[in-house]
N, C-alpha and C. Protein backbone atom coordinates (compact mmCIF):
# COMPACT_ATOMS: atom_id res chain seq x y z
N MET A 1 -45.00 20.40 41.43
CA MET A 1 -44.27 19.45 40.64
C MET A 1 -43.04 19.04 41.42
N THR A 2 -42.81 17.76 41.49
CA THR A 2 -41.67 17.27 42.24
C THR A 2 -40.60 16.77 41.29
N ASN A 3 -39.36 16.78 41.75
CA ASN A 3 -38.24 16.27 40.96
C ASN A 3 -37.95 14.84 41.34
N HIS A 4 -37.75 14.00 40.34
CA HIS A 4 -37.36 12.63 40.60
C HIS A 4 -35.85 12.54 40.48
N SER A 5 -35.22 12.06 41.45
CA SER A 5 -33.77 11.96 41.43
C SER A 5 -33.29 10.55 41.11
N SER A 6 -34.18 9.67 40.67
CA SER A 6 -33.76 8.30 40.38
C SER A 6 -32.96 8.23 39.07
N ALA A 7 -33.16 9.17 38.17
CA ALA A 7 -32.39 9.18 36.92
C ALA A 7 -31.12 9.98 37.11
N SER A 8 -30.01 9.39 36.76
CA SER A 8 -28.75 10.11 36.90
C SER A 8 -28.25 10.56 35.53
N VAL A 9 -27.50 11.61 35.51
CA VAL A 9 -26.95 12.16 34.29
C VAL A 9 -25.59 11.50 34.03
N ARG A 10 -25.39 11.06 32.82
CA ARG A 10 -24.12 10.44 32.45
C ARG A 10 -23.09 11.55 32.29
N GLU A 11 -21.97 11.42 32.98
CA GLU A 11 -20.97 12.47 32.96
C GLU A 11 -19.68 12.06 32.27
N THR A 12 -19.73 11.04 31.43
CA THR A 12 -18.54 10.62 30.71
C THR A 12 -18.43 11.43 29.42
N PRO A 13 -17.39 12.22 29.31
CA PRO A 13 -17.26 13.02 28.09
C PRO A 13 -16.91 12.14 26.90
N HIS A 14 -17.57 12.39 25.77
CA HIS A 14 -17.34 11.61 24.56
C HIS A 14 -15.98 11.91 23.92
N VAL A 15 -15.44 13.05 24.20
CA VAL A 15 -14.18 13.46 23.59
C VAL A 15 -13.05 12.55 24.02
N ASN A 16 -13.03 12.10 25.25
CA ASN A 16 -11.94 11.30 25.78
C ASN A 16 -12.10 9.80 25.51
N GLN A 17 -13.23 9.40 24.98
CA GLN A 17 -13.44 7.98 24.74
C GLN A 17 -12.75 7.57 23.43
N THR A 18 -12.05 6.46 23.50
CA THR A 18 -11.44 5.90 22.30
C THR A 18 -12.45 4.96 21.68
N THR A 19 -12.83 5.24 20.46
CA THR A 19 -13.83 4.38 19.82
C THR A 19 -13.18 3.11 19.32
N ARG A 20 -13.99 2.13 19.09
CA ARG A 20 -13.49 0.85 18.59
C ARG A 20 -12.86 1.03 17.22
N THR A 21 -13.44 1.90 16.40
CA THR A 21 -12.89 2.16 15.07
C THR A 21 -11.48 2.71 15.16
N ASN A 22 -11.27 3.68 16.04
CA ASN A 22 -9.94 4.26 16.20
C ASN A 22 -8.95 3.22 16.69
N THR A 23 -9.39 2.33 17.56
CA THR A 23 -8.53 1.27 18.05
C THR A 23 -8.10 0.35 16.92
N ILE A 24 -9.04 -0.01 16.05
CA ILE A 24 -8.75 -0.89 14.92
C ILE A 24 -7.80 -0.19 13.94
N ILE A 25 -8.07 1.08 13.66
CA ILE A 25 -7.21 1.84 12.75
C ILE A 25 -5.80 1.96 13.31
N ASN A 26 -5.69 2.24 14.59
CA ASN A 26 -4.37 2.35 15.21
C ASN A 26 -3.62 1.02 15.17
N ALA A 27 -4.33 -0.08 15.42
CA ALA A 27 -3.70 -1.40 15.37
C ALA A 27 -3.23 -1.72 13.95
N LEU A 28 -4.04 -1.35 12.95
CA LEU A 28 -3.66 -1.57 11.56
C LEU A 28 -2.41 -0.75 11.21
N LYS A 29 -2.37 0.49 11.66
CA LYS A 29 -1.21 1.34 11.38
C LYS A 29 0.05 0.78 12.05
N GLU A 30 -0.10 0.23 13.25
CA GLU A 30 1.05 -0.38 13.93
C GLU A 30 1.54 -1.62 13.18
N ARG A 31 0.59 -2.44 12.70
CA ARG A 31 0.97 -3.62 11.92
C ARG A 31 1.65 -3.22 10.62
N ALA A 32 1.14 -2.16 9.98
CA ALA A 32 1.75 -1.68 8.74
C ALA A 32 3.16 -1.18 9.01
N GLN A 33 3.35 -0.48 10.10
CA GLN A 33 4.68 0.02 10.45
C GLN A 33 5.64 -1.14 10.72
N ALA A 34 5.15 -2.18 11.35
CA ALA A 34 5.98 -3.36 11.59
C ALA A 34 6.40 -4.01 10.27
N VAL A 35 5.49 -4.05 9.29
CA VAL A 35 5.82 -4.59 7.98
C VAL A 35 6.88 -3.71 7.31
N LEU A 36 6.73 -2.40 7.44
CA LEU A 36 7.70 -1.48 6.84
C LEU A 36 9.09 -1.67 7.43
N ASN A 37 9.16 -2.04 8.69
CA ASN A 37 10.45 -2.24 9.36
C ASN A 37 11.03 -3.63 9.13
N ASP A 38 10.24 -4.54 8.57
CA ASP A 38 10.66 -5.92 8.35
C ASP A 38 11.43 -6.00 7.03
N ARG A 39 12.74 -6.16 7.10
CA ARG A 39 13.60 -6.17 5.91
C ARG A 39 13.51 -7.49 5.14
N SER A 40 12.82 -8.49 5.69
CA SER A 40 12.66 -9.74 4.95
C SER A 40 11.60 -9.60 3.85
N ILE A 41 10.79 -8.54 3.93
CA ILE A 41 9.77 -8.25 2.91
C ILE A 41 10.43 -7.39 1.84
N ASP A 42 10.17 -7.71 0.57
CA ASP A 42 10.86 -7.01 -0.52
C ASP A 42 10.55 -5.51 -0.50
N ALA A 43 11.49 -4.74 -1.01
CA ALA A 43 11.42 -3.27 -0.97
C ALA A 43 10.21 -2.72 -1.72
N GLN A 44 9.87 -3.35 -2.85
CA GLN A 44 8.74 -2.85 -3.64
C GLN A 44 7.42 -3.03 -2.88
N SER A 45 7.25 -4.15 -2.21
CA SER A 45 6.03 -4.37 -1.42
C SER A 45 5.96 -3.39 -0.25
N ARG A 46 7.12 -3.16 0.39
CA ARG A 46 7.14 -2.19 1.49
C ARG A 46 6.81 -0.79 0.99
N ALA A 47 7.27 -0.44 -0.20
CA ALA A 47 6.97 0.88 -0.76
C ALA A 47 5.47 1.04 -1.02
N ILE A 48 4.84 -0.01 -1.51
CA ILE A 48 3.40 0.04 -1.76
C ILE A 48 2.65 0.18 -0.44
N ILE A 49 3.06 -0.56 0.56
CA ILE A 49 2.40 -0.47 1.87
C ILE A 49 2.64 0.91 2.48
N ARG A 50 3.83 1.45 2.33
CA ARG A 50 4.12 2.80 2.84
C ARG A 50 3.18 3.82 2.19
N TYR A 51 3.02 3.72 0.88
CA TYR A 51 2.13 4.65 0.16
C TYR A 51 0.68 4.46 0.62
N ALA A 52 0.25 3.21 0.76
CA ALA A 52 -1.12 2.93 1.21
C ALA A 52 -1.34 3.49 2.62
N LEU A 53 -0.33 3.39 3.46
CA LEU A 53 -0.42 3.93 4.82
C LEU A 53 -0.53 5.45 4.79
N GLU A 54 0.29 6.09 3.97
CA GLU A 54 0.29 7.55 3.90
C GLU A 54 -0.99 8.11 3.31
N THR A 55 -1.62 7.38 2.40
CA THR A 55 -2.83 7.87 1.73
C THR A 55 -4.12 7.31 2.34
N ASN A 56 -4.00 6.56 3.43
CA ASN A 56 -5.16 5.93 4.07
C ASN A 56 -5.96 5.09 3.07
N ASP A 57 -5.25 4.34 2.27
CA ASP A 57 -5.86 3.51 1.25
C ASP A 57 -6.69 2.41 1.90
N PRO A 58 -7.92 2.18 1.41
CA PRO A 58 -8.76 1.14 2.01
C PRO A 58 -8.21 -0.27 1.80
N LEU A 59 -7.25 -0.43 0.90
CA LEU A 59 -6.65 -1.74 0.65
C LEU A 59 -5.51 -2.04 1.63
N LEU A 60 -5.18 -1.10 2.51
CA LEU A 60 -4.05 -1.27 3.42
C LEU A 60 -4.17 -2.55 4.25
N ALA A 61 -5.33 -2.82 4.81
CA ALA A 61 -5.50 -4.01 5.65
C ALA A 61 -5.19 -5.28 4.86
N GLU A 62 -5.66 -5.35 3.61
CA GLU A 62 -5.41 -6.52 2.77
C GLU A 62 -3.92 -6.63 2.44
N LEU A 63 -3.28 -5.52 2.13
CA LEU A 63 -1.85 -5.54 1.81
C LEU A 63 -1.02 -5.99 3.01
N VAL A 64 -1.34 -5.49 4.18
CA VAL A 64 -0.60 -5.86 5.39
C VAL A 64 -0.83 -7.34 5.70
N ARG A 65 -2.07 -7.80 5.56
CA ARG A 65 -2.37 -9.21 5.82
C ARG A 65 -1.56 -10.11 4.89
N ARG A 66 -1.51 -9.75 3.61
CA ARG A 66 -0.78 -10.56 2.65
C ARG A 66 0.73 -10.53 2.91
N ALA A 67 1.25 -9.37 3.27
CA ALA A 67 2.68 -9.27 3.58
C ALA A 67 3.02 -10.09 4.82
N ASP A 68 2.16 -10.01 5.85
CA ASP A 68 2.36 -10.81 7.06
C ASP A 68 2.35 -12.31 6.77
N ALA A 69 1.51 -12.70 5.81
CA ALA A 69 1.39 -14.12 5.47
C ALA A 69 2.48 -14.58 4.51
N GLY A 70 3.34 -13.65 4.09
CA GLY A 70 4.42 -14.01 3.18
C GLY A 70 4.01 -14.07 1.72
N GLU A 71 2.81 -13.59 1.41
CA GLU A 71 2.34 -13.57 0.02
C GLU A 71 2.99 -12.41 -0.72
N THR A 72 3.09 -12.55 -2.03
CA THR A 72 3.63 -11.46 -2.82
C THR A 72 2.54 -10.43 -3.10
N ILE A 73 2.93 -9.18 -3.08
CA ILE A 73 1.99 -8.09 -3.31
C ILE A 73 2.07 -7.62 -4.76
N VAL A 74 3.25 -7.77 -5.35
CA VAL A 74 3.48 -7.30 -6.71
C VAL A 74 3.82 -8.50 -7.59
N ASP A 75 3.24 -8.54 -8.80
CA ASP A 75 3.54 -9.65 -9.70
C ASP A 75 4.84 -9.41 -10.47
N GLU A 76 5.18 -10.34 -11.36
CA GLU A 76 6.44 -10.27 -12.10
C GLU A 76 6.56 -9.01 -12.94
N ALA A 77 5.43 -8.48 -13.43
CA ALA A 77 5.45 -7.30 -14.29
C ALA A 77 5.47 -6.01 -13.47
N GLY A 78 5.39 -6.11 -12.16
CA GLY A 78 5.42 -4.92 -11.32
C GLY A 78 4.04 -4.37 -10.99
N PHE A 79 2.99 -5.11 -11.32
CA PHE A 79 1.63 -4.67 -11.03
C PHE A 79 1.18 -5.21 -9.68
N LEU A 80 0.27 -4.49 -9.05
CA LEU A 80 -0.29 -4.93 -7.79
C LEU A 80 -1.02 -6.24 -8.02
N LYS A 81 -0.63 -7.26 -7.28
CA LYS A 81 -1.20 -8.59 -7.45
C LYS A 81 -2.50 -8.69 -6.68
N LEU A 82 -3.52 -9.18 -7.35
CA LEU A 82 -4.82 -9.35 -6.72
C LEU A 82 -4.88 -10.70 -6.03
N SER A 83 -5.93 -10.90 -5.28
CA SER A 83 -6.11 -12.21 -4.67
C SER A 83 -6.36 -13.22 -5.79
N SER A 84 -6.01 -14.46 -5.55
CA SER A 84 -6.17 -15.48 -6.58
C SER A 84 -7.63 -15.66 -6.97
N THR A 85 -8.55 -15.43 -6.03
CA THR A 85 -9.97 -15.54 -6.33
C THR A 85 -10.39 -14.49 -7.35
N ASP A 86 -9.96 -13.24 -7.17
CA ASP A 86 -10.28 -12.17 -8.12
C ASP A 86 -9.68 -12.48 -9.48
N GLU A 87 -8.43 -12.93 -9.50
CA GLU A 87 -7.76 -13.24 -10.76
C GLU A 87 -8.49 -14.37 -11.48
N GLU A 88 -8.87 -15.41 -10.75
CA GLU A 88 -9.57 -16.54 -11.37
C GLU A 88 -10.92 -16.11 -11.91
N LYS A 89 -11.63 -15.29 -11.17
CA LYS A 89 -12.94 -14.82 -11.61
C LYS A 89 -12.81 -13.99 -12.88
N LEU A 90 -11.85 -13.04 -12.90
CA LEU A 90 -11.66 -12.22 -14.09
C LEU A 90 -11.21 -13.05 -15.28
N ALA A 91 -10.33 -14.01 -15.04
CA ALA A 91 -9.86 -14.88 -16.13
C ALA A 91 -11.02 -15.67 -16.72
N ALA A 92 -11.89 -16.20 -15.87
CA ALA A 92 -13.04 -16.98 -16.35
C ALA A 92 -14.00 -16.10 -17.14
N LEU A 93 -14.28 -14.90 -16.63
CA LEU A 93 -15.19 -13.99 -17.33
C LEU A 93 -14.60 -13.54 -18.66
N THR A 94 -13.30 -13.23 -18.67
CA THR A 94 -12.64 -12.82 -19.90
C THR A 94 -12.68 -13.93 -20.93
N GLU A 95 -12.44 -15.15 -20.49
CA GLU A 95 -12.49 -16.29 -21.40
C GLU A 95 -13.89 -16.45 -22.00
N LEU A 96 -14.92 -16.30 -21.17
CA LEU A 96 -16.29 -16.41 -21.68
C LEU A 96 -16.59 -15.32 -22.71
N ILE A 97 -16.13 -14.11 -22.45
CA ILE A 97 -16.40 -12.99 -23.34
C ILE A 97 -15.61 -13.12 -24.65
N CYS A 98 -14.36 -13.53 -24.57
CA CYS A 98 -13.46 -13.51 -25.72
C CYS A 98 -13.44 -14.80 -26.54
N ARG A 99 -14.02 -15.87 -26.05
CA ARG A 99 -13.89 -17.13 -26.77
C ARG A 99 -14.63 -17.10 -28.10
N ALA A 100 -14.19 -17.94 -28.99
CA ALA A 100 -14.78 -18.01 -30.31
C ALA A 100 -16.20 -18.57 -30.22
N GLY A 101 -17.01 -18.22 -31.17
CA GLY A 101 -18.37 -18.73 -31.20
C GLY A 101 -19.38 -17.62 -31.03
N ASP A 102 -20.56 -17.89 -31.50
CA ASP A 102 -21.62 -16.89 -31.44
C ASP A 102 -22.56 -17.25 -30.29
N GLU A 103 -22.19 -16.83 -29.11
CA GLU A 103 -22.97 -17.11 -27.91
C GLU A 103 -23.34 -15.78 -27.26
N ALA A 104 -24.18 -15.03 -27.93
CA ALA A 104 -24.49 -13.67 -27.49
C ALA A 104 -25.03 -13.63 -26.06
N GLY A 105 -25.87 -14.57 -25.70
CA GLY A 105 -26.45 -14.58 -24.35
C GLY A 105 -25.39 -14.81 -23.28
N THR A 106 -24.52 -15.78 -23.50
CA THR A 106 -23.46 -16.10 -22.54
C THR A 106 -22.47 -14.95 -22.43
N LYS A 107 -22.07 -14.42 -23.59
CA LYS A 107 -21.09 -13.33 -23.60
C LYS A 107 -21.66 -12.07 -22.96
N SER A 108 -22.93 -11.79 -23.23
CA SER A 108 -23.57 -10.62 -22.63
C SER A 108 -23.67 -10.76 -21.12
N ALA A 109 -24.03 -11.96 -20.66
CA ALA A 109 -24.14 -12.20 -19.22
C ALA A 109 -22.77 -12.08 -18.56
N ALA A 110 -21.73 -12.63 -19.20
CA ALA A 110 -20.38 -12.53 -18.65
C ALA A 110 -19.92 -11.08 -18.59
N LEU A 111 -20.23 -10.30 -19.62
CA LEU A 111 -19.87 -8.89 -19.62
C LEU A 111 -20.61 -8.14 -18.51
N LEU A 112 -21.87 -8.47 -18.30
CA LEU A 112 -22.64 -7.85 -17.23
C LEU A 112 -22.04 -8.17 -15.86
N VAL A 113 -21.69 -9.43 -15.64
CA VAL A 113 -21.06 -9.83 -14.37
C VAL A 113 -19.72 -9.13 -14.20
N LEU A 114 -18.94 -9.02 -15.28
CA LEU A 114 -17.66 -8.33 -15.21
C LEU A 114 -17.85 -6.86 -14.84
N MET A 115 -18.81 -6.20 -15.46
CA MET A 115 -19.08 -4.78 -15.15
C MET A 115 -19.54 -4.63 -13.71
N TRP A 116 -20.40 -5.53 -13.23
CA TRP A 116 -20.87 -5.47 -11.84
C TRP A 116 -19.70 -5.67 -10.88
N THR A 117 -18.82 -6.61 -11.22
CA THR A 117 -17.65 -6.88 -10.38
C THR A 117 -16.77 -5.64 -10.27
N LEU A 118 -16.54 -4.98 -11.40
CA LEU A 118 -15.73 -3.76 -11.39
C LEU A 118 -16.42 -2.65 -10.62
N GLU A 119 -17.71 -2.52 -10.80
CA GLU A 119 -18.48 -1.47 -10.14
C GLU A 119 -18.44 -1.60 -8.62
N ASN A 120 -18.42 -2.83 -8.13
CA ASN A 120 -18.50 -3.07 -6.69
C ASN A 120 -17.15 -3.41 -6.05
N ALA A 121 -16.09 -3.31 -6.81
CA ALA A 121 -14.75 -3.63 -6.28
C ALA A 121 -14.24 -2.48 -5.42
N SER A 122 -13.43 -2.82 -4.42
CA SER A 122 -12.84 -1.77 -3.60
C SER A 122 -11.79 -1.01 -4.38
N HIS A 123 -11.18 -1.65 -5.37
CA HIS A 123 -10.19 -1.00 -6.24
C HIS A 123 -10.49 -1.36 -7.69
N PRO A 124 -11.49 -0.69 -8.27
CA PRO A 124 -11.92 -1.06 -9.62
C PRO A 124 -10.84 -0.85 -10.68
N LYS A 125 -9.96 0.14 -10.50
CA LYS A 125 -8.93 0.38 -11.51
C LYS A 125 -7.97 -0.79 -11.60
N VAL A 126 -7.63 -1.38 -10.48
CA VAL A 126 -6.72 -2.52 -10.47
C VAL A 126 -7.38 -3.69 -11.21
N LEU A 127 -8.65 -3.95 -10.90
CA LEU A 127 -9.36 -5.04 -11.57
C LEU A 127 -9.55 -4.74 -13.05
N ALA A 128 -9.87 -3.49 -13.39
CA ALA A 128 -10.07 -3.13 -14.80
C ALA A 128 -8.78 -3.31 -15.59
N ASN A 129 -7.65 -2.93 -15.00
CA ASN A 129 -6.38 -3.12 -15.68
C ASN A 129 -6.08 -4.59 -15.91
N LEU A 130 -6.39 -5.42 -14.93
CA LEU A 130 -6.18 -6.86 -15.10
C LEU A 130 -7.11 -7.41 -16.18
N ALA A 131 -8.37 -7.00 -16.17
CA ALA A 131 -9.32 -7.46 -17.19
C ALA A 131 -8.85 -7.03 -18.58
N LYS A 132 -8.37 -5.81 -18.69
CA LYS A 132 -7.87 -5.31 -19.98
C LYS A 132 -6.67 -6.14 -20.42
N HIS A 133 -5.76 -6.41 -19.50
CA HIS A 133 -4.58 -7.22 -19.82
C HIS A 133 -5.00 -8.62 -20.29
N LEU A 134 -5.93 -9.23 -19.58
CA LEU A 134 -6.38 -10.57 -19.94
C LEU A 134 -7.06 -10.57 -21.31
N ALA A 135 -7.89 -9.54 -21.57
CA ALA A 135 -8.59 -9.46 -22.85
C ALA A 135 -7.61 -9.27 -24.00
N PHE A 136 -6.63 -8.38 -23.83
CA PHE A 136 -5.64 -8.17 -24.89
C PHE A 136 -4.81 -9.41 -25.12
N THR A 137 -4.46 -10.11 -24.05
CA THR A 137 -3.69 -11.34 -24.18
C THR A 137 -4.50 -12.38 -24.94
N ARG A 138 -5.76 -12.51 -24.56
CA ARG A 138 -6.64 -13.49 -25.23
C ARG A 138 -6.85 -13.11 -26.69
N CYS A 139 -7.06 -11.83 -26.98
CA CYS A 139 -7.21 -11.38 -28.36
C CYS A 139 -5.94 -11.64 -29.15
N GLY A 140 -4.80 -11.45 -28.51
CA GLY A 140 -3.53 -11.72 -29.17
C GLY A 140 -3.38 -13.18 -29.54
N GLU A 141 -3.90 -14.08 -28.68
CA GLU A 141 -3.85 -15.51 -28.98
C GLU A 141 -4.72 -15.85 -30.19
N LEU A 142 -5.79 -15.09 -30.36
CA LEU A 142 -6.72 -15.34 -31.46
C LEU A 142 -6.37 -14.55 -32.72
N ASN A 143 -5.27 -13.83 -32.71
CA ASN A 143 -4.89 -12.94 -33.80
C ASN A 143 -4.31 -13.72 -34.98
N PHE A 144 -5.17 -14.37 -35.73
CA PHE A 144 -4.72 -15.14 -36.88
C PHE A 144 -4.53 -14.21 -38.07
N ASN A 145 -3.35 -14.30 -38.66
CA ASN A 145 -3.04 -13.54 -39.88
C ASN A 145 -3.31 -12.04 -39.74
N GLY A 146 -3.05 -11.48 -38.60
CA GLY A 146 -3.19 -10.03 -38.44
C GLY A 146 -4.62 -9.54 -38.35
N LEU A 147 -5.53 -10.41 -37.95
CA LEU A 147 -6.95 -10.05 -37.90
C LEU A 147 -7.20 -8.87 -36.96
N ILE A 148 -6.59 -8.87 -35.78
CA ILE A 148 -6.79 -7.81 -34.80
C ILE A 148 -6.34 -6.47 -35.38
N GLU A 149 -5.15 -6.44 -35.98
CA GLU A 149 -4.65 -5.19 -36.53
C GLU A 149 -5.58 -4.65 -37.60
N ALA A 150 -6.12 -5.52 -38.43
CA ALA A 150 -7.04 -5.09 -39.49
C ALA A 150 -8.32 -4.53 -38.88
N GLN A 151 -8.84 -5.17 -37.84
CA GLN A 151 -10.05 -4.68 -37.21
C GLN A 151 -9.81 -3.34 -36.52
N ILE A 152 -8.68 -3.20 -35.85
CA ILE A 152 -8.37 -1.94 -35.17
C ILE A 152 -8.23 -0.82 -36.19
N ALA A 153 -7.63 -1.11 -37.34
CA ALA A 153 -7.49 -0.08 -38.38
C ALA A 153 -8.87 0.38 -38.87
N VAL A 154 -9.80 -0.54 -39.03
CA VAL A 154 -11.16 -0.18 -39.45
C VAL A 154 -11.84 0.66 -38.37
N PHE A 155 -11.75 0.22 -37.11
CA PHE A 155 -12.36 0.98 -36.01
C PHE A 155 -11.78 2.38 -35.93
N GLU A 156 -10.46 2.45 -36.04
CA GLU A 156 -9.78 3.75 -35.94
C GLU A 156 -10.23 4.68 -37.06
N SER A 157 -10.32 4.18 -38.29
CA SER A 157 -10.72 5.04 -39.40
C SER A 157 -12.16 5.51 -39.24
N GLU A 158 -13.04 4.66 -38.70
CA GLU A 158 -14.43 5.07 -38.49
C GLU A 158 -14.57 6.05 -37.34
N LEU A 159 -13.84 5.80 -36.25
CA LEU A 159 -13.94 6.68 -35.08
C LEU A 159 -13.31 8.04 -35.32
N LEU A 160 -12.23 8.05 -36.06
CA LEU A 160 -11.50 9.30 -36.25
C LEU A 160 -11.71 9.90 -37.63
N ALA A 161 -12.87 9.61 -38.22
CA ALA A 161 -13.19 10.18 -39.52
C ALA A 161 -13.25 11.69 -39.40
N ASP A 162 -12.66 12.38 -40.34
CA ASP A 162 -12.61 13.84 -40.36
C ASP A 162 -11.92 14.41 -39.13
N ASP A 163 -10.98 13.66 -38.54
CA ASP A 163 -10.21 14.11 -37.38
C ASP A 163 -11.05 14.50 -36.18
N THR A 164 -12.27 14.00 -36.10
CA THR A 164 -13.13 14.25 -34.94
C THR A 164 -13.71 12.92 -34.49
N LEU A 165 -13.97 12.82 -33.23
CA LEU A 165 -14.58 11.59 -32.72
C LEU A 165 -16.05 11.56 -33.12
N VAL A 166 -16.49 10.44 -33.60
CA VAL A 166 -17.89 10.25 -33.95
C VAL A 166 -18.65 9.95 -32.68
N SER A 167 -19.75 10.63 -32.42
CA SER A 167 -20.51 10.38 -31.20
C SER A 167 -21.56 9.33 -31.39
């Protein structure tokens, strides 16, 4: 049996190679640090970016991009501001679900799309909180003569009958 020497062994150790992912992560961390040092960006936005950087939050890239572009990260109420596309989508779905009328098919489809959107969001809690806020606001607009309070009282009495939750 003879040895073929035409094939060479690769001698580049993998430990010393910088992967493309590490390069991207390092560049993102440098951009985030630059945003943290930029005093023209409001303190609350910098605090959110600092926290996202420390916790390796997957939203860090989006937050840094928005801060670099001069967009606001926090809304007037102090909540993390979503992209306008997400806000518009949630507002439209909430309107479809909450509007007056007996449109079970439309409302069910809108609720399904809303649930799918939340399920596949990178930050579902942020979107869920916005959807909840929009729904409560919309319900408040429809609260004629205390209708919401009366319905909540009925729900509460049924759910908490005998001081236990009904399953």
